[in-house]
Amino acid sequence: MTIEQLREAYNSEPFQPFVMHLADGRGITVHHREFMASSPKGRTVTVYQPDGSMNIIDLLLVTDLEIQESTKPGNGRRKRSR
Protein backbone atom coordinates (compact mmCIF):
# COMPACT_ATOMS: atom_id res chain seq x y z
CA MET A 1 0.00 0.00 0.00
CA THR A 2 1.33 3.41 -0.91
CA ILE A 3 0.48 6.85 0.47
CA GLU A 4 -0.94 7.68 -2.97
CA GLN A 5 -3.41 4.79 -2.70
CA LEU A 6 -4.49 6.07 0.71
CA ARG A 7 -4.94 9.58 -0.69
CA GLU A 8 -7.04 8.18 -3.55
CA ALA A 9 -9.36 6.42 -1.09
CA TYR A 10 -9.49 9.52 1.13
CA ASN A 11 -10.31 11.86 -1.77
CA SER A 12 -12.75 9.60 -3.63
CA GLU A 13 -16.01 11.22 -4.75
CA PRO A 14 -18.39 10.22 -3.46
CA PHE A 15 -16.48 9.14 -0.39
CA GLN A 16 -16.68 5.42 0.36
CA PRO A 17 -15.72 4.11 3.80
CA PHE A 18 -12.61 1.94 3.79
CA VAL A 19 -10.70 -0.37 6.09
CA MET A 20 -6.95 -0.06 6.61
CA HIS A 21 -5.57 -3.55 7.26
CA LEU A 22 -2.47 -3.53 9.46
CA ALA A 23 0.49 -5.89 9.66
CA ASP A 24 -0.68 -7.11 13.10
CA GLY A 25 -4.01 -8.31 11.64
CA ARG A 26 -6.20 -5.44 12.83
CA GLY A 27 -8.56 -3.60 10.52
CA ILE A 28 -9.25 0.10 11.16
CA THR A 29 -12.36 1.52 9.49
CA VAL A 30 -12.39 5.09 8.19
CA HIS A 31 -16.11 5.90 8.26
CA HIS A 32 -15.81 9.34 6.67
CA ARG A 33 -12.93 11.56 5.53
CA GLU A 34 -13.56 13.97 8.42
CA PHE A 35 -12.71 11.10 10.77
CA MET A 36 -9.07 10.94 9.56
CA ALA A 37 -6.20 13.40 10.05
CA SER A 38 -2.68 13.15 8.68
CA SER A 39 0.45 14.18 10.55
CA PRO A 40 2.44 17.08 9.06
CA LYS A 41 5.20 14.74 7.83
CA GLY A 42 2.64 12.25 6.51
CA ARG A 43 3.99 9.11 8.17
CA THR A 44 1.10 8.66 10.60
CA VAL A 45 -2.64 9.19 10.49
CA THR A 46 -5.14 9.48 13.31
CA VAL A 47 -8.47 7.78 12.70
CA TYR A 48 -11.40 8.72 14.93
CA GLN A 49 -14.26 6.30 15.49
CA PRO A 50 -17.96 7.17 15.93
CA ASP A 51 -17.75 6.29 19.65
CA GLY A 52 -15.02 8.92 20.20
CA SER A 53 -12.09 6.50 20.37
CA MET A 54 -9.13 6.95 18.06
CA ASN A 55 -6.26 5.03 16.49
CA ILE A 56 -2.86 6.47 15.60
CA ILE A 57 -1.49 4.46 12.70
CA ASP A 58 2.01 4.27 11.27
CA LEU A 59 1.41 4.08 7.52
CA LEU A 60 4.39 1.76 7.10
CA LEU A 61 2.28 -0.89 8.86
CA VAL A 62 -0.72 -0.64 6.51
CA THR A 63 -0.75 -3.71 4.26
CA ASP A 64 -4.02 -3.24 2.38
CA LEU A 65 -6.97 -0.91 1.85
CA GLU A 66 -10.42 -2.46 1.57
CA ILE A 67 -13.02 -0.15 0.06
CA GLN A 68 -16.45 -0.67 1.64
CA GLU A 69 -19.63 -0.66 -0.39
CA SER A 70 -21.63 2.48 0.25
CA THR A 71 -24.95 2.02 2.06
CA LYS A 72 -26.26 5.50 1.41
CA PRO A 73 -29.53 5.94 -0.51
CA GLY A 74 -29.05 6.35 -4.23
CA ASN A 75 -26.28 3.80 -4.61
CA GLY A 76 -28.47 1.35 -6.51
CA ARG A 77 -29.84 -0.37 -3.42
CA ARG A 78 -33.45 -0.04 -2.48
CA LYS A 79 -34.46 1.07 0.97
CA ARG A 80 -37.18 -1.04 2.49
CA SER A 81 -40.37 0.80 3.25
CA ARG A 82 -42.76 -0.34 5.97
PDB file of N, CA and C in Angstrom:
ATOM      1  N   MET A   1       0.842  -1.171   0.000  1.00  0.00           N
ATOM      2  CA  MET A   1       0.000   0.000   0.000  1.00  0.00           C
ATOM      3  C   MET A   1       0.888   1.234   0.000  1.00  0.00           C
ATOM      4  N   THR A   2       0.553   2.176  -0.850  1.00  0.00           N
ATOM      5  CA  THR A   2       1.330   3.412  -0.913  1.00  0.00           C
ATOM      6  C   THR A   2       0.501   4.572  -0.356  1.00  0.00           C
ATOM      7  N   ILE A   3       1.172   5.662  -0.021  1.00  0.00           N
ATOM      8  CA  ILE A   3       0.482   6.852   0.465  1.00  0.00           C
ATOM      9  C   ILE A   3      -0.454   7.385  -0.617  1.00  0.00           C
ATOM     10  N   GLU A   4      -0.078   7.224  -1.871  1.00  0.00           N
ATOM     11  CA  GLU A   4      -0.940   7.679  -2.972  1.00  0.00           C
ATOM     12  C   GLU A   4      -2.246   6.895  -3.004  1.00  0.00           C
ATOM     13  N   GLN A   5      -2.198   5.601  -2.744  1.00  0.00           N
ATOM     14  CA  GLN A   5      -3.412   4.791  -2.701  1.00  0.00           C
ATOM     15  C   GLN A   5      -4.310   5.235  -1.553  1.00  0.00           C
ATOM     16  N   LEU A   6      -3.712   5.565  -0.421  1.00  0.00           N
ATOM     17  CA  LEU A   6      -4.491   6.067   0.710  1.00  0.00           C
ATOM     18  C   LEU A   6      -5.129   7.409   0.359  1.00  0.00           C
ATOM     19  N   ARG A   7      -4.384   8.281  -0.280  1.00  0.00           N
ATOM     20  CA  ARG A   7      -4.937   9.580  -0.688  1.00  0.00           C
ATOM     21  C   ARG A   7      -6.088   9.408  -1.679  1.00  0.00           C
ATOM     22  N   GLU A   8      -5.959   8.452  -2.593  1.00  0.00           N
ATOM     23  CA  GLU A   8      -7.042   8.182  -3.546  1.00  0.00           C
ATOM     24  C   GLU A   8      -8.312   7.775  -2.819  1.00  0.00           C
ATOM     25  N   ALA A   9      -8.193   6.871  -1.861  1.00  0.00           N
ATOM     26  CA  ALA A   9      -9.360   6.424  -1.092  1.00  0.00           C
ATOM     27  C   ALA A   9      -9.939   7.581  -0.288  1.00  0.00           C
ATOM     28  N   TYR A  10      -9.075   8.378   0.313  1.00  0.00           N
ATOM     29  CA  TYR A  10      -9.492   9.518   1.127  1.00  0.00           C
ATOM     30  C   TYR A  10     -10.226  10.563   0.291  1.00  0.00           C
ATOM     31  N   ASN A  11      -9.749  10.823  -0.912  1.00  0.00           N
ATOM     32  CA  ASN A  11     -10.308  11.863  -1.769  1.00  0.00           C
ATOM     33  C   ASN A  11     -11.386  11.379  -2.730  1.00  0.00           C
ATOM     34  N   SER A  12     -11.769  10.116  -2.674  1.00  0.00           N
ATOM     35  CA  SER A  12     -12.750   9.597  -3.626  1.00  0.00           C
ATOM     36  C   SER A  12     -14.075  10.359  -3.531  1.00  0.00           C
ATOM     37  N   GLU A  13     -14.706  10.542  -4.669  1.00  0.00           N
ATOM     38  CA  GLU A  13     -16.007  11.224  -4.751  1.00  0.00           C
ATOM     39  C   GLU A  13     -16.986  10.312  -5.462  1.00  0.00           C
ATOM     40  N   PRO A  14     -18.063   9.950  -4.858  1.00  0.00           N
ATOM     41  CA  PRO A  14     -18.386  10.222  -3.458  1.00  0.00           C
ATOM     42  C   PRO A  14     -17.493   9.378  -2.548  1.00  0.00           C
ATOM     43  N   PHE A  15     -17.313   9.860  -1.341  1.00  0.00           N
ATOM     44  CA  PHE A  15     -16.476   9.135  -0.387  1.00  0.00           C
ATOM     45  C   PHE A  15     -17.093   7.775  -0.095  1.00  0.00           C
ATOM     46  N   GLN A  16     -16.248   6.752  -0.056  1.00  0.00           N
ATOM     47  CA  GLN A  16     -16.677   5.417   0.359  1.00  0.00           C
ATOM     48  C   GLN A  16     -15.837   5.018   1.565  1.00  0.00           C
ATOM     49  N   PRO A  17     -16.485   4.564   2.635  1.00  0.00           N
ATOM     50  CA  PRO A  17     -15.720   4.111   3.803  1.00  0.00           C
ATOM     51  C   PRO A  17     -14.714   3.041   3.382  1.00  0.00           C
ATOM     52  N   PHE A  18     -13.605   2.971   4.103  1.00  0.00           N
ATOM     53  CA  PHE A  18     -12.610   1.943   3.794  1.00  0.00           C
ATOM     54  C   PHE A  18     -11.972   1.436   5.073  1.00  0.00           C
ATOM     55  N   VAL A  19     -11.375   0.263   4.963  1.00  0.00           N
ATOM     56  CA  VAL A  19     -10.696  -0.369   6.094  1.00  0.00           C
ATOM     57  C   VAL A  19      -9.210  -0.405   5.780  1.00  0.00           C
ATOM     58  N   MET A  20      -8.399   0.068   6.726  1.00  0.00           N
ATOM     59  CA  MET A  20      -6.951  -0.062   6.613  1.00  0.00           C
ATOM     60  C   MET A  20      -6.564  -1.331   7.365  1.00  0.00           C
ATOM     61  N   HIS A  21      -6.027  -2.300   6.638  1.00  0.00           N
ATOM     62  CA  HIS A  21      -5.566  -3.547   7.257  1.00  0.00           C
ATOM     63  C   HIS A  21      -4.110  -3.363   7.658  1.00  0.00           C
ATOM     64  N   LEU A  22      -3.808  -3.731   8.902  1.00  0.00           N
ATOM     65  CA  LEU A  22      -2.473  -3.530   9.459  1.00  0.00           C
ATOM     66  C   LEU A  22      -1.699  -4.837   9.522  1.00  0.00           C
ATOM     67  N   ALA A  23      -0.386  -4.727   9.617  1.00  0.00           N
ATOM     68  CA  ALA A  23       0.493  -5.894   9.659  1.00  0.00           C
ATOM     69  C   ALA A  23       0.188  -6.817  10.839  1.00  0.00           C
ATOM     70  N   ASP A  24      -0.380  -6.278  11.924  1.00  0.00           N
ATOM     71  CA  ASP A  24      -0.682  -7.112  13.096  1.00  0.00           C
ATOM     72  C   ASP A  24      -2.050  -7.793  12.996  1.00  0.00           C
ATOM     73  N   GLY A  25      -2.732  -7.623  11.854  1.00  0.00           N
ATOM     74  CA  GLY A  25      -4.005  -8.307  11.638  1.00  0.00           C
ATOM     75  C   GLY A  25      -5.233  -7.467  11.927  1.00  0.00           C
ATOM     76  N   ARG A  26      -5.054  -6.301  12.547  1.00  0.00           N
ATOM     77  CA  ARG A  26      -6.204  -5.444  12.831  1.00  0.00           C
ATOM     78  C   ARG A  26      -6.703  -4.773  11.557  1.00  0.00           C
ATOM     79  N   GLY A  27      -7.970  -4.383  11.588  1.00  0.00           N
ATOM     80  CA  GLY A  27      -8.556  -3.597  10.518  1.00  0.00           C
ATOM     81  C   GLY A  27      -9.161  -2.335  11.125  1.00  0.00           C
ATOM     82  N   ILE A  28      -8.764  -1.175  10.633  1.00  0.00           N
ATOM     83  CA  ILE A  28      -9.246   0.098  11.156  1.00  0.00           C
ATOM     84  C   ILE A  28     -10.137   0.730  10.097  1.00  0.00           C
ATOM     85  N   THR A  29     -11.411   0.943  10.440  1.00  0.00           N
ATOM     86  CA  THR A  29     -12.357   1.516   9.492  1.00  0.00           C
ATOM     87  C   THR A  29     -12.303   3.034   9.530  1.00  0.00           C
ATOM     88  N   VAL A  30     -12.261   3.638   8.339  1.00  0.00           N
ATOM     89  CA  VAL A  30     -12.385   5.087   8.190  1.00  0.00           C
ATOM     90  C   VAL A  30     -13.806   5.309   7.687  1.00  0.00           C
ATOM     91  N   HIS A  31     -14.691   5.771   8.578  1.00  0.00           N
ATOM     92  CA  HIS A  31     -16.111   5.905   8.258  1.00  0.00           C
ATOM     93  C   HIS A  31     -16.409   7.091   7.362  1.00  0.00           C
ATOM     94  N   HIS A  32     -15.624   8.148   7.500  1.00  0.00           N
ATOM     95  CA  HIS A  32     -15.808   9.339   6.672  1.00  0.00           C
ATOM     96  C   HIS A  32     -14.492  10.101   6.672  1.00  0.00           C
ATOM     97  N   ARG A  33     -14.240  10.877   5.628  1.00  0.00           N
ATOM     98  CA  ARG A  33     -12.935  11.558   5.531  1.00  0.00           C
ATOM     99  C   ARG A  33     -12.692  12.506   6.695  1.00  0.00           C
ATOM    100  N   GLU A  34     -13.757  13.075   7.278  1.00  0.00           N
ATOM    101  CA  GLU A  34     -13.563  13.975   8.423  1.00  0.00           C
ATOM    102  C   GLU A  34     -13.096  13.232   9.668  1.00  0.00           C
ATOM    103  N   PHE A  35     -13.136  11.901   9.642  1.00  0.00           N
ATOM    104  CA  PHE A  35     -12.708  11.097  10.774  1.00  0.00           C
ATOM    105  C   PHE A  35     -11.215  10.764  10.713  1.00  0.00           C
ATOM    106  N   MET A  36     -10.491  11.266   9.709  1.00  0.00           N
ATOM    107  CA  MET A  36      -9.075  10.940   9.558  1.00  0.00           C
ATOM    108  C   MET A  36      -8.260  12.214   9.420  1.00  0.00           C
ATOM    109  N   ALA A  37      -7.114  12.262  10.131  1.00  0.00           N
ATOM    110  CA  ALA A  37      -6.203  13.402  10.050  1.00  0.00           C
ATOM    111  C   ALA A  37      -4.793  12.874   9.841  1.00  0.00           C
ATOM    112  N   SER A  38      -4.050  13.540   8.984  1.00  0.00           N
ATOM    113  CA  SER A  38      -2.676  13.146   8.677  1.00  0.00           C
ATOM    114  C   SER A  38      -1.702  14.009   9.465  1.00  0.00           C
ATOM    115  N   SER A  39      -0.589  13.409   9.870  1.00  0.00           N
ATOM    116  CA  SER A  39       0.451  14.182  10.548  1.00  0.00           C
ATOM    117  C   SER A  39       1.145  15.086   9.532  1.00  0.00           C
ATOM    118  N   PRO A  40       1.782  16.157   9.987  1.00  0.00           N
ATOM    119  CA  PRO A  40       2.439  17.081   9.057  1.00  0.00           C
ATOM    120  C   PRO A  40       3.472  16.404   8.144  1.00  0.00           C
ATOM    121  N   LYS A  41       4.202  15.425   8.661  1.00  0.00           N
ATOM    122  CA  LYS A  41       5.203  14.741   7.833  1.00  0.00           C
ATOM    123  C   LYS A  41       4.595  13.606   7.021  1.00  0.00           C
ATOM    124  N   GLY A  42       3.341  13.236   7.308  1.00  0.00           N
ATOM    125  CA  GLY A  42       2.643  12.246   6.508  1.00  0.00           C
ATOM    126  C   GLY A  42       2.936  10.796   6.816  1.00  0.00           C
ATOM    127  N   ARG A  43       3.674  10.516   7.868  1.00  0.00           N
ATOM    128  CA  ARG A  43       3.987   9.114   8.174  1.00  0.00           C
ATOM    129  C   ARG A  43       2.898   8.452   9.008  1.00  0.00           C
ATOM    130  N   THR A  44       2.160   9.228   9.782  1.00  0.00           N
ATOM    131  CA  THR A  44       1.096   8.658  10.603  1.00  0.00           C
ATOM    132  C   THR A  44      -0.229   9.350  10.303  1.00  0.00           C
ATOM    133  N   VAL A  45      -1.303   8.619  10.571  1.00  0.00           N
ATOM    134  CA  VAL A  45      -2.640   9.194  10.493  1.00  0.00           C
ATOM    135  C   VAL A  45      -3.361   8.866  11.791  1.00  0.00           C
ATOM    136  N   THR A  46      -4.267   9.729  12.174  1.00  0.00           N
ATOM    137  CA  THR A  46      -5.142   9.483  13.309  1.00  0.00           C
ATOM    138  C   THR A  46      -6.527   9.243  12.744  1.00  0.00           C
ATOM    139  N   VAL A  47      -7.128   8.127  13.155  1.00  0.00           N
ATOM    140  CA  VAL A  47      -8.469   7.782  12.705  1.00  0.00           C
ATOM    141  C   VAL A  47      -9.388   7.791  13.914  1.00  0.00           C
ATOM    142  N   TYR A  48     -10.413   8.623  13.854  1.00  0.00           N
ATOM    143  CA  TYR A  48     -11.400   8.716  14.930  1.00  0.00           C
ATOM    144  C   TYR A  48     -12.564   7.801  14.608  1.00  0.00           C
ATOM    145  N   GLN A  49     -13.123   7.196  15.645  1.00  0.00           N
ATOM    146  CA  GLN A  49     -14.260   6.295  15.493  1.00  0.00           C
ATOM    147  C   GLN A  49     -15.530   6.991  15.983  1.00  0.00           C
ATOM    148  N   PRO A  50     -16.699   6.531  15.527  1.00  0.00           N
ATOM    149  CA  PRO A  50     -17.957   7.170  15.930  1.00  0.00           C
ATOM    150  C   PRO A  50     -18.174   7.223  17.443  1.00  0.00           C
ATOM    151  N   ASP A  51     -17.567   6.291  18.190  1.00  0.00           N
ATOM    152  CA  ASP A  51     -17.747   6.286  19.651  1.00  0.00           C
ATOM    153  C   ASP A  51     -16.789   7.235  20.371  1.00  0.00           C
ATOM    154  N   GLY A  52     -15.951   7.972  19.604  1.00  0.00           N
ATOM    155  CA  GLY A  52     -15.020   8.918  20.204  1.00  0.00           C
ATOM    156  C   GLY A  52     -13.617   8.367  20.411  1.00  0.00           C
ATOM    157  N   SER A  53     -13.439   7.058  20.246  1.00  0.00           N
ATOM    158  CA  SER A  53     -12.092   6.496  20.372  1.00  0.00           C
ATOM    159  C   SER A  53     -11.283   6.852  19.134  1.00  0.00           C
ATOM    160  N   MET A  54      -9.976   6.629  19.206  1.00  0.00           N
ATOM    161  CA  MET A  54      -9.129   6.945  18.060  1.00  0.00           C
ATOM    162  C   MET A  54      -7.982   5.961  17.962  1.00  0.00           C
ATOM    163  N   ASN A  55      -7.424   5.868  16.756  1.00  0.00           N
ATOM    164  CA  ASN A  55      -6.257   5.035  16.494  1.00  0.00           C
ATOM    165  C   ASN A  55      -5.214   5.910  15.822  1.00  0.00           C
ATOM    166  N   ILE A  56      -3.965   5.796  16.269  1.00  0.00           N
ATOM    167  CA  ILE A  56      -2.859   6.468  15.603  1.00  0.00           C
ATOM    168  C   ILE A  56      -2.091   5.382  14.863  1.00  0.00           C
ATOM    169  N   ILE A  57      -1.997   5.543  13.539  1.00  0.00           N
ATOM    170  CA  ILE A  57      -1.492   4.461  12.701  1.00  0.00           C
ATOM    171  C   ILE A  57      -0.240   4.903  11.954  1.00  0.00           C
ATOM    172  N   ASP A  58       0.794   4.081  12.058  1.00  0.00           N
ATOM    173  CA  ASP A  58       2.013   4.269  11.271  1.00  0.00           C
ATOM    174  C   ASP A  58       1.726   3.688   9.878  1.00  0.00           C
ATOM    175  N   LEU A  59       1.787   4.517   8.862  1.00  0.00           N
ATOM    176  CA  LEU A  59       1.411   4.078   7.524  1.00  0.00           C
ATOM    177  C   LEU A  59       2.321   2.998   6.967  1.00  0.00           C
ATOM    178  N   LEU A  60       3.518   2.841   7.540  1.00  0.00           N
ATOM    179  CA  LEU A  60       4.391   1.755   7.096  1.00  0.00           C
ATOM    180  C   LEU A  60       3.830   0.387   7.483  1.00  0.00           C
ATOM    181  N   LEU A  61       2.867   0.370   8.409  1.00  0.00           N
ATOM    182  CA  LEU A  61       2.278  -0.894   8.860  1.00  0.00           C
ATOM    183  C   LEU A  61       0.966  -1.232   8.170  1.00  0.00           C
ATOM    184  N   VAL A  62       0.515  -0.376   7.247  1.00  0.00           N
ATOM    185  CA  VAL A  62      -0.723  -0.645   6.514  1.00  0.00           C
ATOM    186  C   VAL A  62      -0.393  -1.556   5.340  1.00  0.00           C
ATOM    187  N   THR A  63      -1.047  -2.723   5.300  1.00  0.00           N
ATOM    188  CA  THR A  63      -0.754  -3.713   4.263  1.00  0.00           C
ATOM    189  C   THR A  63      -1.752  -3.684   3.116  1.00  0.00           C
ATOM    190  N   ASP A  64      -2.963  -3.161   3.379  1.00  0.00           N
ATOM    191  CA  ASP A  64      -4.015  -3.240   2.378  1.00  0.00           C
ATOM    192  C   ASP A  64      -5.104  -2.236   2.710  1.00  0.00           C
ATOM    193  N   LEU A  65      -5.779  -1.740   1.671  1.00  0.00           N
ATOM    194  CA  LEU A  65      -6.966  -0.914   1.851  1.00  0.00           C
ATOM    195  C   LEU A  65      -8.141  -1.669   1.262  1.00  0.00           C
ATOM    196  N   GLU A  66      -9.200  -1.779   2.023  1.00  0.00           N
ATOM    197  CA  GLU A  66     -10.421  -2.457   1.569  1.00  0.00           C
ATOM    198  C   GLU A  66     -11.524  -1.410   1.480  1.00  0.00           C
ATOM    199  N   ILE A  67     -11.972  -1.133   0.265  1.00  0.00           N
ATOM    200  CA  ILE A  67     -13.024  -0.148   0.056  1.00  0.00           C
ATOM    201  C   ILE A  67     -14.362  -0.806   0.377  1.00  0.00           C
ATOM    202  N   GLN A  68     -15.142  -0.147   1.234  1.00  0.00           N
ATOM    203  CA  GLN A  68     -16.446  -0.666   1.638  1.00  0.00           C
ATOM    204  C   GLN A  68     -17.503  -0.223   0.634  1.00  0.00           C
ATOM    205  N   GLU A  69     -18.515  -1.031   0.466  1.00  0.00           N
ATOM    206  CA  GLU A  69     -19.627  -0.659  -0.387  1.00  0.00           C
ATOM    207  C   GLU A  69     -20.476   0.367   0.340  1.00  0.00           C
ATOM    208  N   SER A  70     -20.828   1.422  -0.348  1.00  0.00           N
ATOM    209  CA  SER A  70     -21.630   2.478   0.255  1.00  0.00           C
ATOM    210  C   SER A  70     -23.029   1.963   0.563  1.00  0.00           C
ATOM    211  N   THR A  71     -23.585   2.416   1.691  1.00  0.00           N
ATOM    212  CA  THR A  71     -24.949   2.017   2.062  1.00  0.00           C
ATOM    213  C   THR A  71     -25.880   3.210   2.056  1.00  0.00           C
ATOM    214  N   LYS A  72     -25.427   4.308   1.463  1.00  0.00           N
ATOM    215  CA  LYS A  72     -26.257   5.504   1.411  1.00  0.00           C
ATOM    216  C   LYS A  72     -27.330   5.340   0.339  1.00  0.00           C
ATOM    217  N   PRO A  73     -28.505   5.981   0.525  1.00  0.00           N
ATOM    218  CA  PRO A  73     -29.530   5.936  -0.508  1.00  0.00           C
ATOM    219  C   PRO A  73     -28.992   6.482  -1.825  1.00  0.00           C
ATOM    220  N   GLY A  74     -29.467   5.880  -2.914  1.00  0.00           N
ATOM    221  CA  GLY A  74     -29.047   6.350  -4.228  1.00  0.00           C
ATOM    222  C   GLY A  74     -27.849   5.598  -4.781  1.00  0.00           C
ATOM    223  N   ASN A  75     -27.420   4.542  -4.114  1.00  0.00           N
ATOM    224  CA  ASN A  75     -26.283   3.796  -4.613  1.00  0.00           C
ATOM    225  C   ASN A  75     -26.706   2.554  -5.377  1.00  0.00           C
ATOM    226  N   GLY A  76     -27.993   2.507  -5.774  1.00  0.00           N
ATOM    227  CA  GLY A  76     -28.471   1.346  -6.506  1.00  0.00           C
ATOM    228  C   GLY A  76     -29.216   0.356  -5.621  1.00  0.00           C
ATOM    229  N   ARG A  77     -29.110   0.510  -4.331  1.00  0.00           N
ATOM    230  CA  ARG A  77     -29.842  -0.369  -3.420  1.00  0.00           C
ATOM    231  C   ARG A  77     -31.168   0.268  -3.082  1.00  0.00           C
ATOM    232  N   ARG A  78     -32.156  -0.550  -2.894  1.00  0.00           N
ATOM    233  CA  ARG A  78     -33.453  -0.037  -2.484  1.00  0.00           C
ATOM    234  C   ARG A  78     -33.544  -0.023  -0.974  1.00  0.00           C
ATOM    235  N   LYS A  79     -34.149   1.018  -0.458  1.00  0.00           N
ATOM    236  CA  LYS A  79     -34.461   1.071   0.969  1.00  0.00           C
ATOM    237  C   LYS A  79     -35.794   0.380   1.153  1.00  0.00           C
ATOM    238  N   ARG A  80     -35.906  -0.383   2.197  1.00  0.00           N
ATOM    239  CA  ARG A  80     -37.180  -1.041   2.492  1.00  0.00           C
ATOM    240  C   ARG A  80     -38.139  -0.027   3.101  1.00  0.00           C
ATOM    241  N   SER A  81     -39.355  -0.065   2.640  1.00  0.00           N
ATOM    242  CA  SER A  81     -40.374   0.796   3.254  1.00  0.00           C
ATOM    243  C   SER A  81     -41.325  -0.083   4.036  1.00  0.00           C
ATOM    244  N   ARG A  82     -41.849   0.444   5.113  1.00  0.00           N
ATOM    245  CA  ARG A  82     -42.756  -0.345   5.972  1.00  0.00           C
ATOM    246  C   ARG A  82     -44.131   0.203   5.911  1.00  0.00           C
TER     247      ARG A  82
END
